[in-house]
């Protein structure tokens, strides 16, 4: 028997990224919907994620939190889905680079911009990402040179980084550059992305 896969989420959260990744790997999973401030902070879930945040997954005895880690874990757990280069593949390095560029500089720069936090020229070196403009320039080049981040191959890095760009454009926390919109439209047209959105939108409708 394969290990049971359980997904802890809320449709109004970063859980939508993990949902998309789960749909991409195409394996059966159980969904547990948690509510902010109640079941998300209950002892039962804090034993899964002491931060009391979603998403999280439980795969057999393994527990994984944080979206980038979930995407990377699922890609490696189900190699038949082809969502990560093999460890010996020369593309493994760029794959890791874009996953963690999204988890680090992109998320930090976007969050700070949303909060109105800026750094002057004298203190820019203290900020790991430098400036939001520098991050966006690198990001724009990465998503416009090829169909996907690794050329013609779609990977978990596209799921994770593409989700950040999509939300940045949706909520206005990221500059609306044409290359970003074209990239997001391209990856969100995937069948797994459509299924994930339909599932989470249906959950949101039930909560309304």
C-alpha atoms as a PDB file:
ATOM      1  CA  UNK A   1       0.000   0.000   0.000  1.00  0.00           C
ATOM      2  CA  UNK A   2       1.353   3.476  -0.867  1.00  0.00           C
ATOM      3  CA  UNK A   3       1.755   5.958   1.959  1.00  0.00           C
ATOM      4  CA  UNK A   4      -1.353   8.039   2.588  1.00  0.00           C
ATOM      5  CA  UNK A   5      -1.079  11.663   1.481  1.00  0.00           C
ATOM      6  CA  UNK A   6      -2.979  14.265   3.516  1.00  0.00           C
ATOM      7  CA  UNK A   7      -3.204  17.941   2.585  1.00  0.00           C
ATOM      8  CA  UNK A   8      -3.967  20.601   5.222  1.00  0.00           C
ATOM      9  CA  UNK A   9      -5.170  23.856   3.747  1.00  0.00           C
ATOM     10  CA  UNK A  10      -7.558  26.781   3.511  1.00  0.00           C
ATOM     11  CA  UNK A  11      -8.623  28.005   0.054  1.00  0.00           C
ATOM     12  CA  UNK A  12      -7.725  31.572   1.021  1.00  0.00           C
ATOM     13  CA  UNK A  13      -4.075  30.834   1.664  1.00  0.00           C
ATOM     14  CA  UNK A  14      -0.802  29.730   0.115  1.00  0.00           C
ATOM     15  CA  UNK A  15      -2.386  26.313   0.236  1.00  0.00           C
ATOM     16  CA  UNK A  16      -3.494  27.045  -3.318  1.00  0.00           C
ATOM     17  CA  UNK A  17       0.137  26.624  -4.395  1.00  0.00           C
ATOM     18  CA  UNK A  18       0.386  23.220  -2.745  1.00  0.00           C
ATOM     19  CA  UNK A  19      -2.969  22.221  -4.229  1.00  0.00           C
ATOM     20  CA  UNK A  20      -1.693  22.991  -7.709  1.00  0.00           C
ATOM     21  CA  UNK A  21       1.435  20.949  -7.046  1.00  0.00           C
ATOM     22  CA  UNK A  22      -0.648  18.023  -5.788  1.00  0.00           C
ATOM     23  CA  UNK A  23      -2.756  18.130  -8.932  1.00  0.00           C
ATOM     24  CA  UNK A  24       0.403  18.166 -11.037  1.00  0.00           C
ATOM     25  CA  UNK A  25       1.784  14.999  -9.410  1.00  0.00           C
ATOM     26  CA  UNK A  26      -1.572  13.309  -9.954  1.00  0.00           C
ATOM     27  CA  UNK A  27      -1.649  11.139  -6.840  1.00  0.00           C
ATOM     28  CA  UNK A  28      -4.722  10.642  -4.614  1.00  0.00           C
ATOM     29  CA  UNK A  29      -4.777  12.771  -1.483  1.00  0.00           C
ATOM     30  CA  UNK A  30      -7.123  13.674   1.352  1.00  0.00           C
ATOM     31  CA  UNK A  31      -7.924  17.344   1.928  1.00  0.00           C
ATOM     32  CA  UNK A  32      -8.368  18.708   5.448  1.00  0.00           C
ATOM     33  CA  UNK A  33      -9.694  22.279   5.462  1.00  0.00           C
ATOM     34  CA  UNK A  34      -8.744  24.337   8.506  1.00  0.00           C
ATOM     35  CA  UNK A  35     -10.117  27.667   9.664  1.00  0.00           C
ATOM     36  CA  UNK A  36      -8.076  30.671  10.762  1.00  0.00           C
ATOM     37  CA  UNK A  37      -7.933  31.227  14.498  1.00  0.00           C
ATOM     38  CA  UNK A  38      -9.737  27.993  15.420  1.00  0.00           C
ATOM     39  CA  UNK A  39      -8.831  24.601  13.939  1.00  0.00           C
ATOM     40  CA  UNK A  40      -5.599  26.057  12.548  1.00  0.00           C
ATOM     41  CA  UNK A  41      -4.504  26.797  16.112  1.00  0.00           C
ATOM     42  CA  UNK A  42      -5.920  23.646  17.694  1.00  0.00           C
ATOM     43  CA  UNK A  43      -3.522  21.232  19.434  1.00  0.00           C
ATOM     44  CA  UNK A  44      -4.200  18.544  16.833  1.00  0.00           C
ATOM     45  CA  UNK A  45      -2.924  20.729  14.010  1.00  0.00           C
ATOM     46  CA  UNK A  46      -0.144  22.362  16.022  1.00  0.00           C
ATOM     47  CA  UNK A  47       1.297  18.858  16.298  1.00  0.00           C
ATOM     48  CA  UNK A  48       1.517  18.951  12.485  1.00  0.00           C
ATOM     49  CA  UNK A  49       2.727  22.537  12.142  1.00  0.00           C
ATOM     50  CA  UNK A  50       3.651  24.376  15.361  1.00  0.00           C
ATOM     51  CA  UNK A  51       3.355  27.665  13.440  1.00  0.00           C
ATOM     52  CA  UNK A  52      -0.385  27.068  13.145  1.00  0.00           C
ATOM     53  CA  UNK A  53      -0.298  27.941   9.455  1.00  0.00           C
ATOM     54  CA  UNK A  54      -1.255  26.226   6.227  1.00  0.00           C
ATOM     55  CA  UNK A  55      -0.407  24.526   3.999  1.00  0.00           C
ATOM     56  CA  UNK A  56       1.145  21.351   5.263  1.00  0.00           C
ATOM     57  CA  UNK A  57       1.220  17.805   3.980  1.00  0.00           C
ATOM     58  CA  UNK A  58       1.596  14.474   5.712  1.00  0.00           C
ATOM     59  CA  UNK A  59       2.948  11.653   3.572  1.00  0.00           C
ATOM     60  CA  UNK A  60       3.087   8.476   5.586  1.00  0.00           C
ATOM     61  CA  UNK A  61       5.159   9.505   8.604  1.00  0.00           C
ATOM     62  CA  UNK A  62       6.733  12.512   6.858  1.00  0.00           C
ATOM     63  CA  UNK A  63       5.388  15.997   7.590  1.00  0.00           C
ATOM     64  CA  UNK A  64       6.308  18.883   5.321  1.00  0.00           C
ATOM     65  CA  UNK A  65       5.435  22.562   5.772  1.00  0.00           C
ATOM     66  CA  UNK A  66       6.370  25.685   3.782  1.00  0.00           C
ATOM     67  CA  UNK A  67       5.260  25.854   0.158  1.00  0.00           C
ATOM     68  CA  UNK A  68       8.690  25.694  -1.458  1.00  0.00           C
ATOM     69  CA  UNK A  69       9.540  22.621   0.611  1.00  0.00           C
ATOM     70  CA  UNK A  70       6.200  20.994  -0.222  1.00  0.00           C
ATOM     71  CA  UNK A  71       6.728  21.559  -3.946  1.00  0.00           C
ATOM     72  CA  UNK A  72      10.276  20.200  -3.822  1.00  0.00           C
ATOM     73  CA  UNK A  73       9.267  17.222  -1.686  1.00  0.00           C
ATOM     74  CA  UNK A  74       6.361  16.188  -3.910  1.00  0.00           C
ATOM     75  CA  UNK A  75       8.452  16.510  -7.064  1.00  0.00           C
ATOM     76  CA  UNK A  76      11.041  14.138  -5.591  1.00  0.00           C
ATOM     77  CA  UNK A  77       8.502  11.786  -3.984  1.00  0.00           C
ATOM     78  CA  UNK A  78       6.776  11.262  -7.337  1.00  0.00           C
ATOM     79  CA  UNK A  79       9.527  11.421  -9.979  1.00  0.00           C
ATOM     80  CA  UNK A  80       7.211   9.865 -12.556  1.00  0.00           C
ATOM     81  CA  UNK A  81       5.445  13.244 -12.795  1.00  0.00           C
ATOM     82  CA  UNK A  82       8.642  14.763 -14.232  1.00  0.00           C
ATOM     83  CA  UNK A  83       8.440  17.929 -12.146  1.00  0.00           C
ATOM     84  CA  UNK A  84      12.096  18.057 -11.067  1.00  0.00           C
ATOM     85  CA  UNK A  85      15.397  17.341 -12.808  1.00  0.00           C
ATOM     86  CA  UNK A  86      17.199  14.281 -11.489  1.00  0.00           C
ATOM     87  CA  UNK A  87      19.959  14.959  -8.928  1.00  0.00           C
ATOM     88  CA  UNK A  88      22.570  14.223 -11.604  1.00  0.00           C
ATOM     89  CA  UNK A  89      20.895  16.439 -14.227  1.00  0.00           C
ATOM     90  CA  UNK A  90      22.727  19.704 -14.978  1.00  0.00           C
ATOM     91  CA  UNK A  91      19.379  21.496 -14.669  1.00  0.00           C
ATOM     92  CA  UNK A  92      19.124  20.560 -10.988  1.00  0.00           C
ATOM     93  CA  UNK A  93      21.104  23.666 -10.034  1.00  0.00           C
ATOM     94  CA  UNK A  94      18.911  26.175 -11.924  1.00  0.00           C
ATOM     95  CA  UNK A  95      15.845  24.347 -10.607  1.00  0.00           C
ATOM     96  CA  UNK A  96      16.937  24.890  -7.010  1.00  0.00           C
ATOM     97  CA  UNK A  97      17.961  28.450  -7.822  1.00  0.00           C
ATOM     98  CA  UNK A  98      14.503  29.524  -8.967  1.00  0.00           C
ATOM     99  CA  UNK A  99      12.654  27.675  -6.224  1.00  0.00           C
ATOM    100  CA  UNK A 100      14.615  29.454  -3.539  1.00  0.00           C
ATOM    101  CA  UNK A 101      14.847  32.760  -5.386  1.00  0.00           C
ATOM    102  CA  UNK A 102      11.065  32.795  -5.105  1.00  0.00           C
ATOM    103  CA  UNK A 103      11.084  31.719  -1.447  1.00  0.00           C
ATOM    104  CA  UNK A 104      13.707  34.319  -0.528  1.00  0.00           C
ATOM    105  CA  UNK A 105      14.183  37.515  -2.585  1.00  0.00           C
ATOM    106  CA  UNK A 106      10.823  37.476  -4.399  1.00  0.00           C
ATOM    107  CA  UNK A 107       8.665  36.924  -1.328  1.00  0.00           C
ATOM    108  CA  UNK A 108      10.680  39.287   0.885  1.00  0.00           C
ATOM    109  CA  UNK A 109      10.766  42.083  -1.691  1.00  0.00           C
ATOM    110  CA  UNK A 110       7.066  41.753  -2.491  1.00  0.00           C
ATOM    111  CA  UNK A 111       6.043  41.664   1.162  1.00  0.00           C
ATOM    112  CA  UNK A 112       8.132  44.712   2.004  1.00  0.00           C
ATOM    113  CA  UNK A 113       6.732  46.614  -0.962  1.00  0.00           C
ATOM    114  CA  UNK A 114       3.190  45.778   0.181  1.00  0.00           C
ATOM    115  CA  UNK A 115       4.011  47.080   3.678  1.00  0.00           C
ATOM    116  CA  UNK A 116       5.671  50.220   2.334  1.00  0.00           C
ATOM    117  CA  UNK A 117       9.087  49.172   3.636  1.00  0.00           C
ATOM    118  CA  UNK A 118      11.979  50.516   1.572  1.00  0.00           C
ATOM    119  CA  UNK A 119      15.733  50.716   2.041  1.00  0.00           C
ATOM    120  CA  UNK A 120      17.820  53.717   1.076  1.00  0.00           C
ATOM    121  CA  UNK A 121      21.004  53.398  -0.961  1.00  0.00           C
ATOM    122  CA  UNK A 122      23.219  53.385   2.141  1.00  0.00           C
ATOM    123  CA  UNK A 123      21.400  50.428   3.692  1.00  0.00           C
ATOM    124  CA  UNK A 124      20.479  48.436   0.582  1.00  0.00           C
ATOM    125  CA  UNK A 125      23.345  46.003   1.148  1.00  0.00           C
ATOM    126  CA  UNK A 126      21.766  45.028   4.468  1.00  0.00           C
ATOM    127  CA  UNK A 127      18.717  43.710   2.611  1.00  0.00           C
ATOM    128  CA  UNK A 128      19.223  40.264   1.158  1.00  0.00           C
ATOM    129  CA  UNK A 129      17.352  41.030  -2.052  1.00  0.00           C
ATOM    130  CA  UNK A 130      18.845  44.493  -2.656  1.00  0.00           C
ATOM    131  CA  UNK A 131      15.816  46.288  -4.096  1.00  0.00           C
ATOM    132  CA  UNK A 132      12.485  45.243  -5.499  1.00  0.00           C
ATOM    133  CA  UNK A 133      13.456  46.627  -8.904  1.00  0.00           C
ATOM    134  CA  UNK A 134      16.534  44.417  -9.020  1.00  0.00           C
ATOM    135  CA  UNK A 135      14.446  41.384  -8.084  1.00  0.00           C
ATOM    136  CA  UNK A 136      11.820  42.152 -10.721  1.00  0.00           C
ATOM    137  CA  UNK A 137      14.430  42.737 -13.421  1.00  0.00           C
ATOM    138  CA  UNK A 138      15.997  39.328 -12.745  1.00  0.00           C
ATOM    139  CA  UNK A 139      12.568  37.730 -12.583  1.00  0.00           C
ATOM    140  CA  UNK A 140      11.425  39.289 -15.852  1.00  0.00           C
ATOM    141  CA  UNK A 141      14.483  37.991 -17.673  1.00  0.00           C
ATOM    142  CA  UNK A 142      13.977  34.505 -16.227  1.00  0.00           C
ATOM    143  CA  UNK A 143      10.367  34.149 -17.384  1.00  0.00           C
ATOM    144  CA  UNK A 144      10.687  35.748 -20.816  1.00  0.00           C
ATOM    145  CA  UNK A 145      13.743  33.962 -22.209  1.00  0.00           C
ATOM    146  CA  UNK A 146      11.962  30.623 -22.640  1.00  0.00           C
ATOM    147  CA  UNK A 147       8.594  28.982 -22.242  1.00  0.00           C
ATOM    148  CA  UNK A 148       9.414  27.942 -18.670  1.00  0.00           C
ATOM    149  CA  UNK A 149      12.168  28.631 -16.133  1.00  0.00           C
ATOM    150  CA  UNK A 150      14.175  25.618 -17.342  1.00  0.00           C
ATOM    151  CA  UNK A 151      13.596  26.211 -21.019  1.00  0.00           C
ATOM    152  CA  UNK A 152      10.988  23.927 -22.539  1.00  0.00           C
ATOM    153  CA  UNK A 153      10.484  21.904 -19.367  1.00  0.00           C
ATOM    154  CA  UNK A 154       7.793  22.733 -16.788  1.00  0.00           C
ATOM    155  CA  UNK A 155       8.825  21.991 -13.183  1.00  0.00           C
ATOM    156  CA  UNK A 156       7.814  22.562  -9.584  1.00  0.00           C
ATOM    157  CA  UNK A 157       9.798  25.805  -9.749  1.00  0.00           C
ATOM    158  CA  UNK A 158       7.245  27.150 -12.221  1.00  0.00           C
ATOM    159  CA  UNK A 159       4.422  26.170  -9.873  1.00  0.00           C
ATOM    160  CA  UNK A 160       5.969  27.993  -6.943  1.00  0.00           C
ATOM    161  CA  UNK A 161       7.503  31.038  -8.565  1.00  0.00           C
ATOM    162  CA  UNK A 162       4.624  31.392 -11.035  1.00  0.00           C
ATOM    163  CA  UNK A 163       2.131  31.446  -8.159  1.00  0.00           C
ATOM    164  CA  UNK A 164       4.002  34.316  -6.537  1.00  0.00           C
ATOM    165  CA  UNK A 165       3.939  36.305  -9.764  1.00  0.00           C
ATOM    166  CA  UNK A 166       0.256  35.563 -10.284  1.00  0.00           C
ATOM    167  CA  UNK A 167      -0.652  36.799  -6.824  1.00  0.00           C
ATOM    168  CA  UNK A 168       1.614  39.824  -7.165  1.00  0.00           C
ATOM    169  CA  UNK A 169      -0.212  40.852 -10.320  1.00  0.00           C
ATOM    170  CA  UNK A 170      -3.640  40.049  -8.886  1.00  0.00           C
ATOM    171  CA  UNK A 171      -3.180  42.072  -5.710  1.00  0.00           C
ATOM    172  CA  UNK A 172      -1.031  44.832  -7.179  1.00  0.00           C
ATOM    173  CA  UNK A 173       2.024  44.057  -5.057  1.00  0.00           C
ATOM    174  CA  UNK A 174       4.160  43.443  -8.138  1.00  0.00           C
ATOM    175  CA  UNK A 175       4.729  45.722 -11.099  1.00  0.00           C
ATOM    176  CA  UNK A 176       2.518  44.626 -14.006  1.00  0.00           C
ATOM    177  CA  UNK A 177       5.075  43.920 -16.704  1.00  0.00           C
ATOM    178  CA  UNK A 178       3.875  42.261 -19.955  1.00  0.00           C
ATOM    179  CA  UNK A 179       6.325  39.372 -19.620  1.00  0.00           C
ATOM    180  CA  UNK A 180       4.909  38.492 -16.216  1.00  0.00           C
ATOM    181  CA  UNK A 181       1.331  38.422 -17.460  1.00  0.00           C
ATOM    182  CA  UNK A 182       2.250  36.274 -20.459  1.00  0.00           C
ATOM    183  CA  UNK A 183       4.136  33.778 -18.316  1.00  0.00           C
ATOM    184  CA  UNK A 184       1.345  33.482 -15.753  1.00  0.00           C
ATOM    185  CA  UNK A 185      -1.279  33.011 -18.466  1.00  0.00           C
ATOM    186  CA  UNK A 186       0.855  30.275 -20.028  1.00  0.00           C
ATOM    187  CA  UNK A 187       1.354  28.217 -16.875  1.00  0.00           C
ATOM    188  CA  UNK A 188      -2.142  28.735 -15.491  1.00  0.00           C
ATOM    189  CA  UNK A 189      -3.533  27.243 -18.682  1.00  0.00           C
ATOM    190  CA  UNK A 190      -2.261  23.826 -17.578  1.00  0.00           C
ATOM    191  CA  UNK A 191      -4.998  21.293 -16.779  1.00  0.00           C
ATOM    192  CA  UNK A 192      -3.647  20.704 -13.268  1.00  0.00           C
ATOM    193  CA  UNK A 193      -3.741  24.440 -12.539  1.00  0.00           C
ATOM    194  CA  UNK A 194      -7.321  24.641 -13.753  1.00  0.00           C
ATOM    195  CA  UNK A 195      -8.374  21.670 -11.617  1.00  0.00           C
ATOM    196  CA  UNK A 196      -6.675  23.130  -8.548  1.00  0.00           C
ATOM    197  CA  UNK A 197      -8.414  26.470  -8.993  1.00  0.00           C
ATOM    198  CA  UNK A 198     -11.789  24.806  -9.466  1.00  0.00           C
ATOM    199  CA  UNK A 199     -11.358  22.765  -6.280  1.00  0.00           C
ATOM    200  CA  UNK A 200     -10.303  25.735  -4.163  1.00  0.00           C
ATOM    201  CA  UNK A 201     -12.911  28.059  -5.643  1.00  0.00           C
ATOM    202  CA  UNK A 202     -15.581  25.492  -4.789  1.00  0.00           C
ATOM    203  CA  UNK A 203     -14.310  25.389  -1.194  1.00  0.00           C
ATOM    204  CA  UNK A 204     -14.427  29.187  -1.019  1.00  0.00           C
ATOM    205  CA  UNK A 205     -18.018  29.152  -2.246  1.00  0.00           C
ATOM    206  CA  UNK A 206     -18.957  26.768   0.570  1.00  0.00           C
ATOM    207  CA  UNK A 207     -17.349  29.062   3.147  1.00  0.00           C
ATOM    208  CA  UNK A 208     -19.125  32.177   1.870  1.00  0.00           C
END
